[in-house]
Amino acid sequence: MASLIEFGITVITISVSGVMSPGPLFTANVAYGVKGGWKTGIKIAYGHTVVELPLVILLSIGAISLSTFPQFREYISILGAISLFAFAGLQLRGILKKSSQDYPIRHGPFFIGVLLSALNPFFLIWWFTIGFKLISDALILYSFIGIAIMFVFHIWMDYAWLGGVSFLSNKGKKILTAKNYRIFIIAISGVLIYFGVVFLKQAFT
């Protein structure tokens, strides 16, 4: 059985693929951060949480119901591995295309956090595949309390990332340059592929 520290590291590492992936929420956060600073990033993260927490609760109920079926863990491990490979490929394709678009500032950051989370298909797919695997592992390892532990390990990254990016956008720092961000996403994609292989080993051992 994995220790709490090992489980936390796994959750945090895999969660990076969802939290820090390029997309409309990231673009909007940068745009809002230019004027509002780190506070806008926190408000966007809060809006994101309003959508994410109920989704995790619903998926946890589903995982609890399905956990009694034979070979449930094996099937979820295979699905999680395939999803990790797919997300790694999508992230690499998106970052290498160097595509970006400005996001019009028409609504408050909290509303944008809710809207761009609820209507983001990649966010939903991530939780129904990779996230569902993490929820299932949390349930198997630590029962009901494990789901709360998993969510805590995941959610703080949203606030740290969105708040940090909006702060850098406001201050005009050059730390998060396009080149550095591209290298970071490529490295993260490699980590996702590694965990995909780990999940497959779990399914067949």
C-alpha atoms as a PDB file:
ATOM      1  CA  MET A   1       0.000   0.000   0.000  1.00  0.00           C
ATOM      2  CA  ALA A   2       1.314   3.375  -0.977  1.00  0.00           C
ATOM      3  CA  SER A   3       2.177   5.762   1.821  1.00  0.00           C
ATOM      4  CA  LEU A   4       0.348   9.050   2.143  1.00  0.00           C
ATOM      5  CA  ILE A   5       3.426  10.924   0.896  1.00  0.00           C
ATOM      6  CA  GLU A   6       3.757   8.663  -2.159  1.00  0.00           C
ATOM      7  CA  PHE A   7       0.066   9.028  -2.910  1.00  0.00           C
ATOM      8  CA  GLY A   8       0.265  12.805  -2.509  1.00  0.00           C
ATOM      9  CA  ILE A   9       3.230  13.036  -4.877  1.00  0.00           C
ATOM     10  CA  THR A  10       1.364  10.950  -7.456  1.00  0.00           C
ATOM     11  CA  VAL A  11      -1.758  13.132  -7.206  1.00  0.00           C
ATOM     12  CA  ILE A  12       0.227  16.359  -7.450  1.00  0.00           C
ATOM     13  CA  THR A  13       2.365  15.171 -10.364  1.00  0.00           C
ATOM     14  CA  ILE A  14      -0.565  13.889 -12.395  1.00  0.00           C
ATOM     15  CA  SER A  15      -2.734  16.892 -11.498  1.00  0.00           C
ATOM     16  CA  VAL A  16      -0.198  19.159 -13.171  1.00  0.00           C
ATOM     17  CA  SER A  17      -1.538  17.879 -16.512  1.00  0.00           C
ATOM     18  CA  GLY A  18      -4.910  19.424 -15.760  1.00  0.00           C
ATOM     19  CA  VAL A  19      -3.974  22.421 -13.641  1.00  0.00           C
ATOM     20  CA  MET A  20      -1.206  23.837 -15.831  1.00  0.00           C
ATOM     21  CA  SER A  21      -2.381  22.803 -19.275  1.00  0.00           C
ATOM     22  CA  PRO A  22      -2.833  25.530 -21.909  1.00  0.00           C
ATOM     23  CA  GLY A  23      -6.425  26.444 -22.566  1.00  0.00           C
ATOM     24  CA  PRO A  24      -9.101  29.148 -22.282  1.00  0.00           C
ATOM     25  CA  LEU A  25      -8.910  29.330 -18.476  1.00  0.00           C
ATOM     26  CA  PHE A  26      -5.154  29.934 -18.601  1.00  0.00           C
ATOM     27  CA  THR A  27      -5.548  32.548 -21.351  1.00  0.00           C
ATOM     28  CA  ALA A  28      -8.308  34.370 -19.462  1.00  0.00           C
ATOM     29  CA  ASN A  29      -6.248  34.277 -16.266  1.00  0.00           C
ATOM     30  CA  VAL A  30      -3.324  35.969 -17.990  1.00  0.00           C
ATOM     31  CA  ALA A  31      -5.618  38.631 -19.466  1.00  0.00           C
ATOM     32  CA  TYR A  32      -7.291  39.389 -16.141  1.00  0.00           C
ATOM     33  CA  GLY A  33      -4.005  39.261 -14.247  1.00  0.00           C
ATOM     34  CA  VAL A  34      -2.504  42.097 -16.275  1.00  0.00           C
ATOM     35  CA  LYS A  35      -4.819  44.551 -14.509  1.00  0.00           C
ATOM     36  CA  GLY A  36      -5.961  42.751 -11.396  1.00  0.00           C
ATOM     37  CA  GLY A  37      -2.841  40.902 -10.230  1.00  0.00           C
ATOM     38  CA  TRP A  38      -2.859  37.772  -8.079  1.00  0.00           C
ATOM     39  CA  LYS A  39      -6.308  38.478  -6.612  1.00  0.00           C
ATOM     40  CA  THR A  40      -7.966  37.870  -9.970  1.00  0.00           C
ATOM     41  CA  GLY A  41      -6.218  34.515 -10.238  1.00  0.00           C
ATOM     42  CA  ILE A  42      -7.550  33.515  -6.811  1.00  0.00           C
ATOM     43  CA  LYS A  43     -11.071  34.558  -7.805  1.00  0.00           C
ATOM     44  CA  ILE A  44     -10.841  32.533 -11.022  1.00  0.00           C
ATOM     45  CA  ALA A  45      -9.574  29.544  -9.005  1.00  0.00           C
ATOM     46  CA  TYR A  46     -12.506  29.930  -6.617  1.00  0.00           C
ATOM     47  CA  GLY A  47     -14.936  29.877  -9.537  1.00  0.00           C
ATOM     48  CA  HIS A  48     -13.143  26.798 -10.827  1.00  0.00           C
ATOM     49  CA  THR A  49     -13.541  25.108  -7.425  1.00  0.00           C
ATOM     50  CA  VAL A  50     -17.292  25.761  -7.422  1.00  0.00           C
ATOM     51  CA  VAL A  51     -17.513  23.550 -10.505  1.00  0.00           C
ATOM     52  CA  GLU A  52     -14.812  21.059  -9.607  1.00  0.00           C
ATOM     53  CA  LEU A  53     -15.878  20.088  -6.074  1.00  0.00           C
ATOM     54  CA  PRO A  54     -19.423  18.926  -6.955  1.00  0.00           C
ATOM     55  CA  LEU A  55     -17.999  17.026  -9.934  1.00  0.00           C
ATOM     56  CA  VAL A  56     -15.498  15.208  -7.700  1.00  0.00           C
ATOM     57  CA  ILE A  57     -18.281  14.345  -5.232  1.00  0.00           C
ATOM     58  CA  LEU A  58     -20.436  12.875  -8.019  1.00  0.00           C
ATOM     59  CA  LEU A  59     -17.529  10.887  -9.426  1.00  0.00           C
ATOM     60  CA  SER A  60     -16.694   9.634  -5.934  1.00  0.00           C
ATOM     61  CA  ILE A  61     -20.231   8.322  -5.546  1.00  0.00           C
ATOM     62  CA  GLY A  62     -19.826   6.559  -8.878  1.00  0.00           C
ATOM     63  CA  ALA A  63     -16.475   5.094  -7.852  1.00  0.00           C
ATOM     64  CA  ILE A  64     -17.925   3.798  -4.591  1.00  0.00           C
ATOM     65  CA  SER A  65     -20.760   2.133  -6.486  1.00  0.00           C
ATOM     66  CA  LEU A  66     -18.473   0.552  -9.081  1.00  0.00           C
ATOM     67  CA  SER A  67     -15.748  -0.566  -6.676  1.00  0.00           C
ATOM     68  CA  THR A  68     -17.682  -3.753  -5.882  1.00  0.00           C
ATOM     69  CA  PHE A  69     -17.446  -5.005  -9.461  1.00  0.00           C
ATOM     70  CA  PRO A  70     -14.742  -7.582 -10.288  1.00  0.00           C
ATOM     71  CA  GLN A  71     -11.649  -6.241 -12.064  1.00  0.00           C
ATOM     72  CA  PHE A  72     -12.775  -2.649 -11.478  1.00  0.00           C
ATOM     73  CA  ARG A  73      -9.251  -1.525 -10.562  1.00  0.00           C
ATOM     74  CA  GLU A  74      -7.754  -3.178 -13.661  1.00  0.00           C
ATOM     75  CA  TYR A  75     -10.206  -1.511 -16.043  1.00  0.00           C
ATOM     76  CA  ILE A  76      -9.762   1.901 -14.416  1.00  0.00           C
ATOM     77  CA  SER A  77      -5.971   1.540 -14.573  1.00  0.00           C
ATOM     78  CA  ILE A  78      -6.119   0.785 -18.298  1.00  0.00           C
ATOM     79  CA  LEU A  79      -8.506   3.692 -18.928  1.00  0.00           C
ATOM     80  CA  GLY A  80      -6.269   5.998 -16.883  1.00  0.00           C
ATOM     81  CA  ALA A  81      -3.172   4.913 -18.821  1.00  0.00           C
ATOM     82  CA  ILE A  82      -4.826   5.488 -22.200  1.00  0.00           C
ATOM     83  CA  SER A  83      -6.072   8.882 -21.042  1.00  0.00           C
ATOM     84  CA  LEU A  84      -2.628   9.922 -19.814  1.00  0.00           C
ATOM     85  CA  PHE A  85      -1.079   8.991 -23.173  1.00  0.00           C
ATOM     86  CA  ALA A  86      -3.825  10.927 -24.979  1.00  0.00           C
ATOM     87  CA  PHE A  87      -3.465  14.030 -22.799  1.00  0.00           C
ATOM     88  CA  ALA A  88       0.310  13.990 -23.197  1.00  0.00           C
ATOM     89  CA  GLY A  89      -0.140  13.899 -26.980  1.00  0.00           C
ATOM     90  CA  LEU A  90      -2.722  16.689 -26.946  1.00  0.00           C
ATOM     91  CA  GLN A  91      -0.529  18.888 -24.749  1.00  0.00           C
ATOM     92  CA  LEU A  92       2.481  18.353 -26.988  1.00  0.00           C
ATOM     93  CA  ARG A  93       0.480  19.100 -30.111  1.00  0.00           C
ATOM     94  CA  GLY A  94      -1.038  22.232 -28.593  1.00  0.00           C
ATOM     95  CA  ILE A  95       2.209  23.646 -27.232  1.00  0.00           C
ATOM     96  CA  LEU A  96       4.231  22.904 -30.383  1.00  0.00           C
ATOM     97  CA  LYS A  97       1.630  24.651 -32.554  1.00  0.00           C
ATOM     98  CA  LYS A  98       2.410  27.818 -30.551  1.00  0.00           C
ATOM     99  CA  SER A  99      -1.181  28.875 -30.890  1.00  0.00           C
ATOM    100  CA  SER A 100      -2.704  31.436 -28.558  1.00  0.00           C
ATOM    101  CA  GLN A 101      -5.591  33.847 -28.541  1.00  0.00           C
ATOM    102  CA  ASP A 102      -6.567  36.878 -26.563  1.00  0.00           C
ATOM    103  CA  TYR A 103      -9.554  36.538 -24.307  1.00  0.00           C
ATOM    104  CA  PRO A 104     -11.964  39.464 -24.124  1.00  0.00           C
ATOM    105  CA  ILE A 105     -12.504  40.795 -20.602  1.00  0.00           C
ATOM    106  CA  ARG A 106     -16.269  41.078 -20.334  1.00  0.00           C
ATOM    107  CA  HIS A 107     -17.143  39.425 -17.028  1.00  0.00           C
ATOM    108  CA  GLY A 108     -15.770  39.197 -13.521  1.00  0.00           C
ATOM    109  CA  PRO A 109     -12.969  36.684 -12.789  1.00  0.00           C
ATOM    110  CA  PHE A 110     -15.151  34.496 -10.552  1.00  0.00           C
ATOM    111  CA  PHE A 111     -17.799  34.134 -13.275  1.00  0.00           C
ATOM    112  CA  ILE A 112     -15.101  33.368 -15.834  1.00  0.00           C
ATOM    113  CA  GLY A 113     -13.667  30.695 -13.539  1.00  0.00           C
ATOM    114  CA  VAL A 114     -17.078  29.023 -13.338  1.00  0.00           C
ATOM    115  CA  LEU A 115     -17.911  29.423 -17.031  1.00  0.00           C
ATOM    116  CA  LEU A 116     -14.612  28.293 -18.522  1.00  0.00           C
ATOM    117  CA  SER A 117     -14.481  25.290 -16.200  1.00  0.00           C
ATOM    118  CA  ALA A 118     -18.052  24.094 -16.711  1.00  0.00           C
ATOM    119  CA  LEU A 119     -17.884  24.524 -20.499  1.00  0.00           C
ATOM    120  CA  ASN A 120     -14.368  23.158 -20.970  1.00  0.00           C
ATOM    121  CA  PRO A 121     -14.626  19.642 -22.486  1.00  0.00           C
ATOM    122  CA  PHE A 122     -10.986  18.839 -21.666  1.00  0.00           C
ATOM    123  CA  PHE A 123     -11.596  19.632 -17.991  1.00  0.00           C
ATOM    124  CA  LEU A 124     -14.578  17.258 -17.903  1.00  0.00           C
ATOM    125  CA  ILE A 125     -12.791  14.529 -19.853  1.00  0.00           C
ATOM    126  CA  TRP A 126      -9.771  14.801 -17.533  1.00  0.00           C
ATOM    127  CA  TRP A 127     -11.917  14.177 -14.455  1.00  0.00           C
ATOM    128  CA  PHE A 128     -13.932  11.375 -16.059  1.00  0.00           C
ATOM    129  CA  THR A 129     -10.736   9.539 -16.998  1.00  0.00           C
ATOM    130  CA  ILE A 130      -7.490  10.480 -15.243  1.00  0.00           C
ATOM    131  CA  GLY A 131      -9.242  12.107 -12.294  1.00  0.00           C
ATOM    132  CA  PHE A 132     -11.550   9.122 -11.873  1.00  0.00           C
ATOM    133  CA  LYS A 133      -8.491   6.892 -11.592  1.00  0.00           C
ATOM    134  CA  LEU A 134      -7.104   9.092  -8.797  1.00  0.00           C
ATOM    135  CA  ILE A 135     -10.463   9.056  -7.007  1.00  0.00           C
ATOM    136  CA  SER A 136     -10.620   5.267  -7.272  1.00  0.00           C
ATOM    137  CA  ASP A 137      -7.079   4.875  -5.893  1.00  0.00           C
ATOM    138  CA  ALA A 138      -7.901   7.242  -3.027  1.00  0.00           C
ATOM    139  CA  LEU A 139     -10.981   5.220  -2.190  1.00  0.00           C
ATOM    140  CA  ILE A 140      -9.115   1.896  -2.288  1.00  0.00           C
ATOM    141  CA  LEU A 141      -6.145   3.162  -0.273  1.00  0.00           C
ATOM    142  CA  TYR A 142      -7.817   5.306   2.378  1.00  0.00           C
ATOM    143  CA  SER A 143     -11.576   4.680   2.083  1.00  0.00           C
ATOM    144  CA  PHE A 144     -13.860   7.733   2.174  1.00  0.00           C
ATOM    145  CA  ILE A 145     -11.326  10.059   3.805  1.00  0.00           C
ATOM    146  CA  GLY A 146      -8.956   9.348   0.915  1.00  0.00           C
ATOM    147  CA  ILE A 147     -11.195  11.233  -1.504  1.00  0.00           C
ATOM    148  CA  ALA A 148     -10.931  14.376   0.638  1.00  0.00           C
ATOM    149  CA  ILE A 149      -7.159  13.893   0.896  1.00  0.00           C
ATOM    150  CA  MET A 150      -6.900  13.519  -2.873  1.00  0.00           C
ATOM    151  CA  PHE A 151      -8.929  16.689  -3.478  1.00  0.00           C
ATOM    152  CA  VAL A 152      -6.791  18.726  -1.078  1.00  0.00           C
ATOM    153  CA  PHE A 153      -3.601  17.534  -2.786  1.00  0.00           C
ATOM    154  CA  HIS A 154      -5.123  18.583  -6.106  1.00  0.00           C
ATOM    155  CA  ILE A 155      -7.001  21.815  -5.448  1.00  0.00           C
ATOM    156  CA  TRP A 156      -4.216  23.865  -3.833  1.00  0.00           C
ATOM    157  CA  MET A 157      -2.361  23.725  -7.145  1.00  0.00           C
ATOM    158  CA  ASP A 158      -5.188  25.557  -8.910  1.00  0.00           C
ATOM    159  CA  TYR A 159      -4.897  28.475  -6.495  1.00  0.00           C
ATOM    160  CA  ALA A 160      -1.096  28.513  -6.521  1.00  0.00           C
ATOM    161  CA  TRP A 161      -0.876  28.277 -10.314  1.00  0.00           C
ATOM    162  CA  LEU A 162      -3.641  30.713 -11.273  1.00  0.00           C
ATOM    163  CA  GLY A 163      -2.661  33.183  -8.571  1.00  0.00           C
ATOM    164  CA  GLY A 164       1.019  32.967  -9.500  1.00  0.00           C
ATOM    165  CA  VAL A 165       0.402  33.374 -13.228  1.00  0.00           C
ATOM    166  CA  SER A 166      -1.866  36.384 -12.727  1.00  0.00           C
ATOM    167  CA  PHE A 167       0.732  37.929 -10.396  1.00  0.00           C
ATOM    168  CA  LEU A 168       3.479  37.512 -13.001  1.00  0.00           C
ATOM    169  CA  SER A 169       1.171  38.899 -15.684  1.00  0.00           C
ATOM    170  CA  ASN A 170       0.572  42.001 -13.590  1.00  0.00           C
ATOM    171  CA  LYS A 171       4.238  42.524 -12.740  1.00  0.00           C
ATOM    172  CA  GLY A 172       5.455  41.892 -16.238  1.00  0.00           C
ATOM    173  CA  LYS A 173       7.958  39.282 -15.092  1.00  0.00           C
ATOM    174  CA  LYS A 174       9.813  37.261 -17.707  1.00  0.00           C
ATOM    175  CA  ILE A 175       9.970  34.042 -15.718  1.00  0.00           C
ATOM    176  CA  LEU A 176       6.935  32.542 -17.438  1.00  0.00           C
ATOM    177  CA  THR A 177       8.062  33.237 -20.991  1.00  0.00           C
ATOM    178  CA  ALA A 178       6.523  31.370 -23.911  1.00  0.00           C
ATOM    179  CA  LYS A 179       9.736  29.368 -24.337  1.00  0.00           C
ATOM    180  CA  ASN A 180       9.964  28.368 -20.664  1.00  0.00           C
ATOM    181  CA  TYR A 181       6.287  27.442 -20.567  1.00  0.00           C
ATOM    182  CA  ARG A 182       6.680  25.302 -23.698  1.00  0.00           C
ATOM    183  CA  ILE A 183       9.655  23.440 -22.197  1.00  0.00           C
ATOM    184  CA  PHE A 184       7.719  22.921 -18.977  1.00  0.00           C
ATOM    185  CA  ILE A 185       4.690  21.424 -20.758  1.00  0.00           C
ATOM    186  CA  ILE A 186       6.933  19.102 -22.788  1.00  0.00           C
ATOM    187  CA  ALA A 187       8.535  17.875 -19.558  1.00  0.00           C
ATOM    188  CA  ILE A 188       5.123  17.371 -17.951  1.00  0.00           C
ATOM    189  CA  SER A 189       3.971  15.390 -20.983  1.00  0.00           C
ATOM    190  CA  GLY A 190       6.923  13.064 -20.475  1.00  0.00           C
ATOM    191  CA  VAL A 191       5.892  12.580 -16.830  1.00  0.00           C
ATOM    192  CA  LEU A 192       2.327  11.741 -17.933  1.00  0.00           C
ATOM    193  CA  ILE A 193       3.641   9.060 -20.278  1.00  0.00           C
ATOM    194  CA  TYR A 194       5.659   7.595 -17.397  1.00  0.00           C
ATOM    195  CA  PHE A 195       2.592   7.379 -15.144  1.00  0.00           C
ATOM    196  CA  GLY A 196       0.631   5.888 -18.042  1.00  0.00           C
ATOM    197  CA  VAL A 197       3.132   3.032 -18.113  1.00  0.00           C
ATOM    198  CA  VAL A 198       2.853   2.691 -14.305  1.00  0.00           C
ATOM    199  CA  PHE A 199      -0.946   2.436 -14.567  1.00  0.00           C
ATOM    200  CA  LEU A 200      -0.658  -0.275 -17.212  1.00  0.00           C
ATOM    201  CA  LYS A 201       1.681  -2.248 -14.964  1.00  0.00           C
ATOM    202  CA  GLN A 202      -0.884  -1.975 -12.173  1.00  0.00           C
ATOM    203  CA  ALA A 203      -3.553  -3.386 -14.484  1.00  0.00           C
ATOM    204  CA  PHE A 204      -1.561  -6.453 -15.517  1.00  0.00           C
ATOM    205  CA  THR A 205       0.194  -7.370 -12.272  1.00  0.00           C
END
